[in-house]
Amino acid sequence: MRLVLALPVAIVFVIGLMALDVPVAEFFRDTGLAGPIDRATFLRWPGEYRLTVVCALLLWIFHAQSWRSAGFMLLTGLAGFLNGVLKWVSGRSRPFKWGEAWEWDFFRNGYDGLFSPRDLSFASGHTTQAFAWAAGMTIAYPRFRTLFYTLATLTAFQRVGSTDHYLTDAVAAAVIGVVTVRLLFRILSKVVPPAREAPVTDDGQNYEFPRAELFAMNDPAAPYLSLVIPCYNEQENVPTLLSRVESSLNTLGKPFEVILIDDGSTDQTPQMLNEAKSRLPWLRVVRMQKNAGQSAGFEAGFAVARGQMIATIDADLQNDPEEVPRLAKMLDERPDVDMITGWRKDRQDTNFRRWQSRQANRIRNWISQDDINDSACSLKVYRAHTLKGLKLFNGAHRFFPALVKMRGFKVIETPVKHSARFAGTAKYGFRNRAFRAFVDLLGVRWMKMRYLRYDARESDVHEGVSGNSTRRVGQREVD
């Protein structure tokens, strides 16, 4: 019914606009405005596909290197293809060809193809791409929709005011651009799976990261320590890892749990973990439905950890499991400290990798100002409350000390042992360690600059007299 009602309204609207096409074009010609408007080429920039490519690159950077956002932005160029088809079908001359004004030559002879519009007018290619760009950017950043559509409208105005296009050319182009992008978004939302899926525990249940209910402060029977270890295709390391972890954590003399995060392994790691869990009461296994990265693995482990303290190490045995009890006891003896991070002073890596890490740490310290020598060392111990409400992102594992300090907690560093990889191969190459880390670092710097810092206190008032006692209701003071 809506379509039946909308169709005649649309037809009347289009006919009415077409009646204005020639008068509007003649107005800009006769008043002399067409020349200056034509020279204002900067108004056409939103309609240039080059801007769409640049925005796609920026979306890739600021959306955690997600090809989904960038790829979708590039696909908005399909609106321009549809516009080319329409130009070929309509064959309408441009307004500045006054001898052929309002002339339509359907399936125009001599037209060079869909990507060679030459002197054809209906619809405006720049306006189509400008509104497609605006629709795509609005999906990514809806709060700026007014800005995006204003810029696209200025492009449409420039195309009409320069007498390169009729008014209906611009209106039709705007509709084509917006409708095409919205349809693309609708279709892709149905056929493309989510970028990250919920982890699955060994009993097949999905977790949705209910942190507040799972942390030790809410569980009187919580173990003393939870050790979180993400692993991906580590079948050669798993037996030795479990053996060394058990022998080292037994020295604590207190209850502990080990949470191994299987990050979508494709080797025998899942089977080995299932077998180990059947005989090790302290072992818990969380399986990611597909490989989601180290940061996602840590987040999944933090979500289900019940310990009063939470420790992390890598599964490749370059972090010495025997160091975990030492750091846990050190944290226990320092009530003023909330997190201890390891510092691999004597790294057992290739010369290139050591050099790369030194440069990366210098740049990171300069930009993030976290005053940590080795932020990427996975050997860390936290008080459980420091992780409550910590929001992670892809690559966050490289900046845990900065993220924790940003929230007002105290972080110290201690030298730890570092060994050559026991078996298997490294899962991160130069591109992963360098370019992505730098992009993430800029994001952390922005977060620190914009993070809310305040100290709010509630006064204790009785019988109309203000007392001196106060109760802090805001966050902790930043060191």
Protein backbone atom coordinates (compact mmCIF):
# COMPACT_ATOMS: atom_id res chain seq x y z
CA MET A 1 0.00 0.00 0.00
CA ARG A 2 2.83 2.40 0.82
CA LEU A 3 4.44 1.72 -2.54
CA VAL A 4 1.14 2.35 -4.35
CA LEU A 5 0.79 5.71 -2.61
CA ALA A 6 4.45 6.66 -2.99
CA LEU A 7 4.61 6.00 -6.73
CA PRO A 8 2.23 8.77 -7.92
CA VAL A 9 3.71 11.19 -5.40
CA ALA A 10 7.19 10.47 -6.76
CA ILE A 11 6.03 10.88 -10.36
CA VAL A 12 4.40 14.25 -9.63
CA PHE A 13 7.52 15.35 -7.73
CA VAL A 14 9.85 14.42 -10.61
CA ILE A 15 7.64 16.11 -13.21
CA GLY A 16 7.54 19.23 -11.06
CA LEU A 17 11.31 19.28 -10.72
CA MET A 18 11.81 18.76 -14.45
CA ALA A 19 9.69 21.84 -15.06
CA LEU A 20 12.29 23.77 -13.04
CA ASP A 21 15.34 22.31 -14.78
CA VAL A 22 15.73 24.86 -17.58
CA PRO A 23 14.69 27.97 -15.55
CA VAL A 24 17.20 27.08 -12.81
CA ALA A 25 20.00 26.53 -15.34
CA GLU A 26 19.17 29.79 -17.13
CA PHE A 27 19.16 31.65 -13.81
CA PHE A 28 22.77 30.65 -13.04
CA ARG A 29 23.81 31.43 -16.64
CA ASP A 30 22.11 34.82 -16.90
CA THR A 31 23.24 36.08 -13.48
CA GLY A 32 26.86 35.20 -14.20
CA LEU A 33 27.08 32.90 -11.18
CA ALA A 34 27.84 29.83 -13.24
CA GLY A 35 31.47 30.85 -13.84
CA PRO A 36 32.53 31.42 -10.20
CA ILE A 37 30.65 28.33 -9.04
CA ASP A 38 32.32 26.25 -11.75
CA ARG A 39 35.73 27.43 -10.55
CA ALA A 40 34.93 26.36 -6.95
CA THR A 41 36.22 22.87 -7.70
CA PHE A 42 36.90 22.13 -4.01
CA LEU A 43 33.15 21.71 -3.58
CA ARG A 44 33.41 18.63 -5.81
CA TRP A 45 35.86 16.82 -3.52
CA PRO A 46 33.24 14.68 -1.72
CA GLY A 47 32.24 13.44 -5.18
CA GLU A 48 35.78 12.34 -6.05
CA TYR A 49 36.37 8.63 -5.54
CA ARG A 50 39.87 9.48 -4.33
CA LEU A 51 38.34 10.87 -1.14
CA THR A 52 36.43 7.62 -0.69
CA VAL A 53 39.70 5.67 -0.97
CA VAL A 54 41.37 7.92 1.63
CA CYS A 55 38.41 7.50 3.99
CA ALA A 56 38.54 3.73 3.49
CA LEU A 57 42.20 3.77 4.56
CA LEU A 58 41.39 5.87 7.64
CA LEU A 59 38.54 3.54 8.56
CA TRP A 60 40.93 0.60 8.27
CA ILE A 61 43.36 2.33 10.64
CA PHE A 62 40.90 3.60 13.25
CA HIS A 63 38.63 0.54 13.17
CA ALA A 64 41.43 -1.73 14.42
CA GLN A 65 42.63 -2.71 10.93
CA SER A 66 39.23 -4.12 10.01
CA TRP A 67 38.95 -4.79 6.28
CA ARG A 68 35.18 -4.90 6.68
CA SER A 69 34.88 -1.15 7.25
CA ALA A 70 37.40 -0.25 4.55
CA GLY A 71 35.98 -2.75 2.05
CA PHE A 72 32.44 -1.51 2.56
CA MET A 73 33.57 2.08 1.99
CA LEU A 74 35.26 1.09 -1.27
CA LEU A 75 32.09 -0.69 -2.39
CA THR A 76 30.21 2.61 -2.29
CA GLY A 77 31.79 3.17 -5.71
CA LEU A 78 29.13 0.81 -7.10
CA ALA A 79 26.75 3.77 -6.97
CA GLY A 80 28.93 5.48 -9.57
CA PHE A 81 28.68 2.42 -11.80
CA LEU A 82 24.88 2.54 -11.62
CA ASN A 83 25.04 6.23 -12.44
CA GLY A 84 27.05 5.41 -15.57
CA VAL A 85 24.37 2.96 -16.68
CA LEU A 86 21.71 5.63 -16.19
CA LYS A 87 23.68 8.16 -18.23
CA TRP A 88 24.00 5.74 -21.10
CA VAL A 89 20.29 4.88 -21.01
CA SER A 90 19.05 8.48 -20.75
CA GLY A 91 21.52 10.20 -23.07
CA ARG A 92 20.54 13.60 -21.71
CA SER A 93 22.64 16.59 -22.80
CA ARG A 94 24.21 18.92 -20.27
CA PRO A 95 22.66 22.35 -19.56
CA PHE A 96 25.57 24.34 -20.99
CA LYS A 97 24.80 22.86 -24.42
CA TRP A 98 21.96 25.33 -24.81
CA GLY A 99 21.06 24.24 -28.31
CA GLU A 100 20.26 20.79 -26.97
CA ALA A 101 18.63 21.84 -23.70
CA TRP A 102 16.15 19.33 -22.25
CA GLU A 103 17.09 16.93 -25.10
CA TRP A 104 16.98 13.19 -24.35
CA ASP A 105 18.71 10.69 -26.63
CA PHE A 106 18.08 7.25 -25.13
CA PHE A 107 20.93 4.72 -25.59
CA ARG A 108 22.94 7.57 -27.09
CA ASN A 109 24.97 6.64 -30.15
CA GLY A 110 28.69 7.27 -29.98
CA TYR A 111 28.81 7.01 -26.18
CA ASP A 112 32.17 5.53 -25.12
CA GLY A 113 30.88 3.31 -22.33
CA LEU A 114 29.82 3.36 -18.69
CA PHE A 115 33.01 5.03 -17.47
CA SER A 116 33.19 7.72 -20.18
CA PRO A 117 30.23 10.05 -19.55
CA ARG A 118 31.55 12.74 -21.89
CA ASP A 119 28.78 15.33 -22.25
CA LEU A 120 25.92 13.37 -20.72
CA SER A 121 23.99 14.83 -17.81
CA PHE A 122 21.48 12.48 -16.15
CA ALA A 123 22.43 11.76 -13.44
CA SER A 124 25.32 13.67 -11.86
CA GLY A 125 28.29 11.37 -11.25
CA HIS A 126 29.94 13.62 -8.66
CA THR A 127 26.67 14.01 -6.75
CA THR A 128 26.06 10.26 -6.81
CA GLN A 129 29.50 9.53 -5.36
CA ALA A 130 29.23 12.39 -2.85
CA PHE A 131 25.98 11.08 -1.38
CA ALA A 132 27.25 7.49 -1.49
CA TRP A 133 30.32 8.67 0.45
CA ALA A 134 28.11 10.56 2.92
CA ALA A 135 25.89 7.51 3.47
CA GLY A 136 28.91 5.26 4.03
CA MET A 137 30.56 7.66 6.48
CA THR A 138 27.25 8.11 8.31
CA ILE A 139 27.07 4.36 8.89
CA ALA A 140 30.57 4.48 10.42
CA TYR A 141 30.07 7.74 12.36
CA PRO A 142 26.32 8.49 12.68
CA ARG A 143 26.84 11.45 15.00
CA PHE A 144 28.39 13.39 12.07
CA ARG A 145 25.63 12.68 9.56
CA THR A 146 24.72 16.37 9.26
CA LEU A 147 28.29 17.28 8.32
CA PHE A 148 28.62 14.49 5.76
CA TYR A 149 25.31 15.22 4.04
CA THR A 150 25.98 18.97 4.08
CA LEU A 151 29.23 18.42 2.18
CA ALA A 152 27.44 16.16 -0.29
CA THR A 153 24.73 18.80 -0.79
CA LEU A 154 27.39 21.42 -1.54
CA THR A 155 28.74 19.10 -4.23
CA ALA A 156 25.25 18.85 -5.73
CA PHE A 157 24.92 22.66 -5.61
CA GLN A 158 28.24 23.08 -7.43
CA ARG A 159 27.20 20.70 -10.19
CA VAL A 160 23.86 22.50 -10.72
CA GLY A 161 25.19 26.05 -10.22
CA SER A 162 27.99 25.55 -12.75
CA THR A 163 25.35 24.47 -15.32
CA ASP A 164 27.07 21.12 -15.68
CA HIS A 165 23.86 19.41 -14.54
CA TYR A 166 20.16 20.03 -14.21
CA LEU A 167 18.37 20.10 -10.87
CA THR A 168 16.78 16.69 -11.46
CA ASP A 169 20.22 15.27 -12.30
CA ALA A 170 21.40 16.16 -8.80
CA VAL A 171 18.26 14.97 -7.01
CA ALA A 172 18.26 11.63 -8.83
CA ALA A 173 21.98 11.24 -8.14
CA ALA A 174 21.49 11.83 -4.41
CA VAL A 175 18.79 9.17 -4.27
CA ILE A 176 20.94 6.69 -6.22
CA GLY A 177 23.93 7.23 -3.94
CA VAL A 178 22.08 6.89 -0.64
CA VAL A 179 19.79 4.02 -1.64
CA THR A 180 22.66 1.99 -3.15
CA VAL A 181 24.79 2.27 -0.02
CA ARG A 182 21.91 1.52 2.34
CA LEU A 183 20.98 -1.57 0.31
CA LEU A 184 24.61 -2.71 0.26
CA PHE A 185 24.81 -2.32 4.02
CA ARG A 186 21.61 -4.28 4.49
CA ILE A 187 22.76 -7.13 2.24
CA LEU A 188 26.28 -7.37 3.68
CA SER A 189 24.97 -7.26 7.25
CA LYS A 190 23.08 -10.47 6.53
CA VAL A 191 25.71 -12.42 4.58
CA VAL A 192 28.92 -11.39 6.42
CA PRO A 193 29.43 -12.98 9.89
CA PRO A 194 30.41 -10.84 12.90
CA ALA A 195 34.08 -9.91 13.16
CA ARG A 196 34.46 -11.50 16.59
CA GLU A 197 32.39 -14.28 18.07
CA ALA A 198 31.87 -15.13 21.72
CA PRO A 199 34.30 -17.66 23.22
CA VAL A 200 33.06 -21.12 24.12
CA THR A 201 34.08 -22.97 27.29
CA ASP A 202 34.78 -26.69 27.44
CA ASP A 203 31.12 -27.40 28.25
CA GLY A 204 30.01 -25.73 25.01
CA GLN A 205 28.49 -22.61 26.63
CA ASN A 206 29.14 -19.14 25.24
CA TYR A 207 30.46 -16.40 27.52
CA GLU A 208 29.43 -12.77 27.11
CA PHE A 209 32.14 -11.37 29.41
CA PRO A 210 30.01 -10.70 32.57
CA ARG A 211 32.99 -9.27 34.44
CA ALA A 212 31.40 -7.74 37.52
CA GLU A 213 29.82 -11.03 38.60
CA LEU A 214 32.95 -13.09 38.08
CA PHE A 215 35.67 -11.16 39.84
CA ALA A 216 37.15 -12.32 43.12
CA MET A 217 35.64 -9.50 45.17
CA ASN A 218 32.24 -11.09 44.52
CA ASP A 219 33.35 -14.71 45.12
CA PRO A 220 34.40 -15.64 48.69
CA ALA A 221 35.60 -19.07 47.48
CA ALA A 222 37.84 -17.56 44.80
CA PRO A 223 41.28 -19.11 44.25
CA TYR A 224 44.35 -17.14 45.22
CA LEU A 225 45.62 -16.91 41.62
CA SER A 226 44.21 -17.29 38.11
CA LEU A 227 46.81 -17.82 35.38
CA VAL A 228 45.54 -16.90 31.89
CA ILE A 229 47.42 -18.34 28.89
CA PRO A 230 46.24 -17.73 25.30
CA CYS A 231 47.49 -20.34 22.85
CA TYR A 232 47.22 -20.87 19.11
CA ASN A 233 48.60 -23.99 17.41
CA GLU A 234 50.94 -24.83 20.31
CA GLN A 235 50.65 -28.64 20.24
CA GLU A 236 54.42 -29.04 20.67
CA ASN A 237 54.46 -26.81 23.76
CA VAL A 238 51.28 -27.84 25.61
CA PRO A 239 52.62 -30.93 27.52
CA THR A 240 55.75 -29.16 28.77
CA LEU A 241 53.80 -25.97 29.49
CA LEU A 242 51.25 -27.74 31.69
CA SER A 243 53.93 -29.69 33.53
CA ARG A 244 56.02 -26.62 34.33
CA VAL A 245 52.98 -24.52 35.26
CA GLU A 246 51.75 -27.17 37.71
CA SER A 247 55.12 -27.61 39.40
CA SER A 248 55.68 -23.85 39.73
CA LEU A 249 52.20 -22.90 41.00
CA ASN A 250 52.24 -25.74 43.55
CA THR A 251 54.96 -23.78 45.34
CA LEU A 252 52.38 -21.10 46.20
CA GLY A 253 50.75 -23.39 48.74
CA LYS A 254 47.42 -21.76 47.90
CA PRO A 255 44.50 -22.59 45.55
CA PHE A 256 45.04 -21.66 41.93
CA GLU A 257 43.44 -22.14 38.52
CA VAL A 258 44.93 -22.11 35.03
CA ILE A 259 42.76 -20.85 32.16
CA LEU A 260 44.03 -21.87 28.73
CA ILE A 261 42.44 -19.95 25.86
CA ASP A 262 42.44 -22.01 22.66
CA ASP A 263 42.34 -19.24 20.06
CA GLY A 264 40.86 -21.30 17.22
CA SER A 265 43.81 -23.71 16.89
CA THR A 266 43.85 -25.89 13.77
CA ASP A 267 46.38 -28.48 14.99
CA GLN A 268 46.05 -31.00 17.84
CA THR A 269 45.98 -28.33 20.57
CA PRO A 270 42.19 -28.62 21.27
CA GLN A 271 42.36 -32.42 21.65
CA MET A 272 45.41 -32.20 23.91
CA LEU A 273 43.72 -29.61 26.14
CA ASN A 274 40.56 -31.72 26.43
CA GLU A 275 42.62 -34.73 27.47
CA ALA A 276 44.59 -32.69 30.00
CA LYS A 277 41.45 -31.18 31.50
CA SER A 278 40.06 -34.63 32.28
CA ARG A 279 42.98 -35.31 34.64
CA LEU A 280 43.94 -31.84 35.92
CA PRO A 281 41.32 -30.37 38.30
CA TRP A 282 42.89 -26.91 38.27
CA LEU A 283 42.75 -26.57 34.47
CA ARG A 284 39.97 -24.68 32.69
CA VAL A 285 39.69 -24.45 28.90
CA VAL A 286 38.00 -21.70 26.90
CA ARG A 287 37.73 -22.22 23.15
CA MET A 288 37.30 -19.31 20.74
CA GLN A 289 35.05 -20.24 17.83
CA LYS A 290 37.67 -18.86 15.47
CA ASN A 291 41.06 -17.19 15.73
CA ALA A 292 40.45 -13.74 17.22
CA GLY A 293 43.92 -12.62 18.33
CA GLN A 294 45.91 -12.37 21.54
CA SER A 295 43.98 -9.43 22.99
CA ALA A 296 40.67 -11.26 22.53
CA GLY A 297 42.22 -14.30 24.21
CA PHE A 298 43.26 -12.28 27.24
CA GLU A 299 39.82 -10.65 27.45
CA ALA A 300 38.11 -14.04 27.37
CA GLY A 301 40.40 -15.25 30.16
CA PHE A 302 39.90 -12.15 32.29
CA ALA A 303 36.13 -12.55 31.90
CA VAL A 304 36.01 -16.00 33.48
CA ALA A 305 38.93 -15.69 35.92
CA ARG A 306 37.95 -16.01 39.62
CA GLY A 307 41.29 -15.41 41.29
CA GLN A 308 42.14 -12.68 43.76
CA MET A 309 45.13 -12.11 41.50
CA ILE A 310 45.30 -12.68 37.74
CA ALA A 311 48.57 -13.55 36.02
CA THR A 312 49.35 -13.89 32.31
CA ILE A 313 52.08 -15.60 30.30
CA ASP A 314 52.58 -16.76 26.71
CA ALA A 315 52.21 -20.41 25.75
CA ASP A 316 55.53 -20.58 23.89
CA LEU A 317 57.52 -20.94 27.16
CA GLN A 318 59.62 -17.87 26.45
CA ASN A 319 58.08 -16.59 29.67
CA ASP A 320 59.34 -18.72 32.54
CA PRO A 321 56.32 -20.16 34.47
CA GLU A 322 58.54 -20.38 37.55
CA GLU A 323 58.55 -16.56 37.66
CA VAL A 324 54.77 -16.36 38.25
CA PRO A 325 54.87 -17.30 41.99
CA ARG A 326 57.68 -14.80 42.56
CA LEU A 327 55.70 -11.94 41.02
CA ALA A 328 52.53 -13.00 42.87
CA LYS A 329 54.33 -12.97 46.23
CA MET A 330 55.92 -9.62 45.37
CA LEU A 331 52.47 -8.16 44.65
CA ASP A 332 51.12 -9.67 47.87
CA GLU A 333 53.85 -7.91 49.84
CA ARG A 334 53.20 -4.54 48.19
CA PRO A 335 49.66 -3.39 49.08
CA ASP A 336 50.38 -0.04 47.39
CA VAL A 337 50.94 -1.74 44.01
CA ASP A 338 48.15 -2.94 41.71
CA MET A 339 50.11 -4.54 38.87
CA ILE A 340 53.59 -5.94 38.29
CA THR A 341 54.86 -6.33 34.74
CA GLY A 342 57.92 -8.28 33.66
CA TRP A 343 60.94 -6.73 31.98
CA ARG A 344 62.92 -9.01 29.66
CA LYS A 345 66.30 -7.37 30.21
CA ASP A 346 68.22 -10.22 28.60
CA ARG A 347 66.02 -11.24 25.67
CA GLN A 348 66.72 -14.56 23.96
CA ASP A 349 65.69 -13.43 20.47
CA THR A 350 67.38 -12.68 17.18
CA ASN A 351 69.44 -9.50 16.96
CA PHE A 352 66.89 -7.96 14.60
CA ARG A 353 63.98 -8.71 16.91
CA ARG A 354 65.85 -7.28 19.93
CA TRP A 355 66.68 -4.13 17.94
CA GLN A 356 63.10 -3.86 16.76
CA SER A 357 61.77 -4.15 20.31
CA ARG A 358 64.21 -1.53 21.63
CA GLN A 359 63.11 0.99 19.01
CA ALA A 360 59.45 0.15 19.54
CA ASN A 361 59.77 0.64 23.31
CA ARG A 362 61.48 4.00 22.84
CA ILE A 363 58.76 5.24 20.51
CA ARG A 364 56.04 3.83 22.78
CA ASN A 365 57.48 5.51 25.87
CA TRP A 366 57.82 8.80 24.01
CA ILE A 367 54.20 8.78 22.80
CA SER A 368 52.35 6.99 25.61
CA GLN A 369 54.60 8.24 28.45
CA ASP A 370 53.97 5.07 30.45
CA ASP A 371 57.61 4.85 31.70
CA ILE A 372 57.74 1.08 31.15
CA ASN A 373 60.77 -0.60 29.62
CA ASP A 374 59.01 -3.66 28.21
CA SER A 375 55.27 -3.15 27.85
CA ALA A 376 54.82 -6.14 25.51
CA CYS A 377 56.15 -8.73 27.96
CA SER A 378 53.22 -11.09 28.59
CA LEU A 379 54.42 -12.07 32.07
CA LYS A 380 52.27 -9.87 34.30
CA VAL A 381 50.37 -10.14 37.59
CA TYR A 382 47.33 -7.98 38.46
CA ARG A 383 45.06 -7.52 41.41
CA ALA A 384 41.69 -8.65 40.07
CA HIS A 385 39.98 -5.30 40.67
CA THR A 386 42.37 -3.51 38.28
CA LEU A 387 40.84 -5.42 35.36
CA LYS A 388 37.23 -4.80 36.32
CA GLY A 389 35.63 -2.75 33.55
CA LEU A 390 38.83 -2.59 31.47
CA LYS A 391 37.77 -2.19 27.84
CA LEU A 392 40.10 -3.90 25.38
CA PHE A 393 40.60 -3.59 21.63
CA ASN A 394 42.60 -5.49 19.00
CA GLY A 395 46.25 -5.00 19.96
CA ALA A 396 45.53 -3.89 23.54
CA HIS A 397 47.80 -6.60 24.97
CA ARG A 398 50.81 -4.49 23.95
CA PHE A 399 49.70 -1.63 26.20
CA PHE A 400 48.32 -3.20 29.39
CA PRO A 401 50.59 -1.15 31.72
CA ALA A 402 49.54 2.13 30.06
CA LEU A 403 45.85 1.18 30.15
CA VAL A 404 46.02 0.19 33.82
CA LYS A 405 48.00 3.30 34.84
CA MET A 406 45.55 5.46 32.91
CA ARG A 407 42.79 4.27 35.24
CA GLY A 408 44.69 5.44 38.30
CA PHE A 409 46.39 2.22 39.43
CA LYS A 410 50.04 1.82 40.36
CA VAL A 411 52.24 -0.30 38.08
CA ILE A 412 55.82 -1.37 38.77
CA GLU A 413 58.30 -3.33 36.69
CA THR A 414 60.70 -6.12 37.62
CA PRO A 415 63.33 -7.98 35.56
CA VAL A 416 62.30 -11.52 34.56
CA LYS A 417 63.94 -14.42 32.79
CA HIS A 418 63.41 -14.88 29.07
CA SER A 419 64.09 -18.03 27.08
CA ALA A 420 64.26 -18.95 23.43
CA ARG A 421 61.03 -20.41 22.05
CA PHE A 422 60.76 -24.03 23.24
CA ALA A 423 59.09 -25.30 20.04
CA GLY A 424 56.93 -24.15 17.15
CA THR A 425 57.09 -20.83 15.33
CA ALA A 426 56.24 -17.23 16.23
CA LYS A 427 52.73 -16.14 15.27
CA TYR A 428 53.54 -12.46 14.72
CA GLY A 429 55.57 -10.99 11.86
CA PHE A 430 57.15 -7.59 11.26
CA ARG A 431 53.95 -6.06 9.87
CA ASN A 432 51.96 -7.20 12.88
CA ARG A 433 54.56 -5.98 15.37
CA ALA A 434 55.43 -2.67 13.72
CA PHE A 435 52.73 -0.97 11.68
CA ARG A 436 49.73 -2.19 13.65
CA ALA A 437 51.44 -1.52 16.97
CA PHE A 438 52.16 2.08 15.93
CA VAL A 439 48.54 2.66 14.87
CA ASP A 440 47.32 1.19 18.17
CA LEU A 441 49.80 3.37 20.05
CA LEU A 442 48.26 6.50 18.56
CA GLY A 443 44.89 5.24 19.76
CA VAL A 444 46.21 4.72 23.30
CA ARG A 445 47.68 8.22 23.30
CA TRP A 446 44.29 9.62 22.26
CA MET A 447 42.57 7.61 25.02
CA LYS A 448 44.96 8.99 27.63
CA MET A 449 44.37 12.55 26.48
CA ARG A 450 40.58 12.14 26.59
CA TYR A 451 40.30 9.96 29.71
CA LEU A 452 38.11 11.34 32.50
CA ARG A 453 40.11 12.26 35.61
CA TYR A 454 38.45 13.66 38.68
CA ASP A 455 38.33 13.38 42.47
CA ALA A 456 34.79 13.72 43.86
CA ARG A 457 33.99 13.53 47.58
CA GLU A 458 30.72 13.47 49.49
CA SER A 459 30.67 15.63 52.65
CA ASP A 460 29.38 14.11 55.90
CA VAL A 461 26.68 16.53 57.12
CA HIS A 462 24.70 15.94 60.33
CA GLU A 463 22.17 18.18 62.12
CA GLY A 464 22.91 21.11 59.85
CA VAL A 465 26.61 21.18 60.78
CA SER A 466 29.26 20.37 58.20
CA GLY A 467 31.78 17.90 59.50
CA ASN A 468 35.32 17.34 58.33
CA SER A 469 34.89 13.74 57.25
CA THR A 470 34.41 13.01 53.56
CA ARG A 471 33.82 9.92 51.45
CA ARG A 472 35.42 9.60 48.04
CA VAL A 473 32.84 8.77 45.39
CA GLY A 474 34.95 9.24 42.26
CA GLN A 475 37.83 7.27 40.83
CA ARG A 476 41.26 6.94 42.39
CA GLU A 477 43.75 9.73 41.93
CA VAL A 478 46.14 9.29 39.04
CA ASP A 479 49.77 8.77 40.04
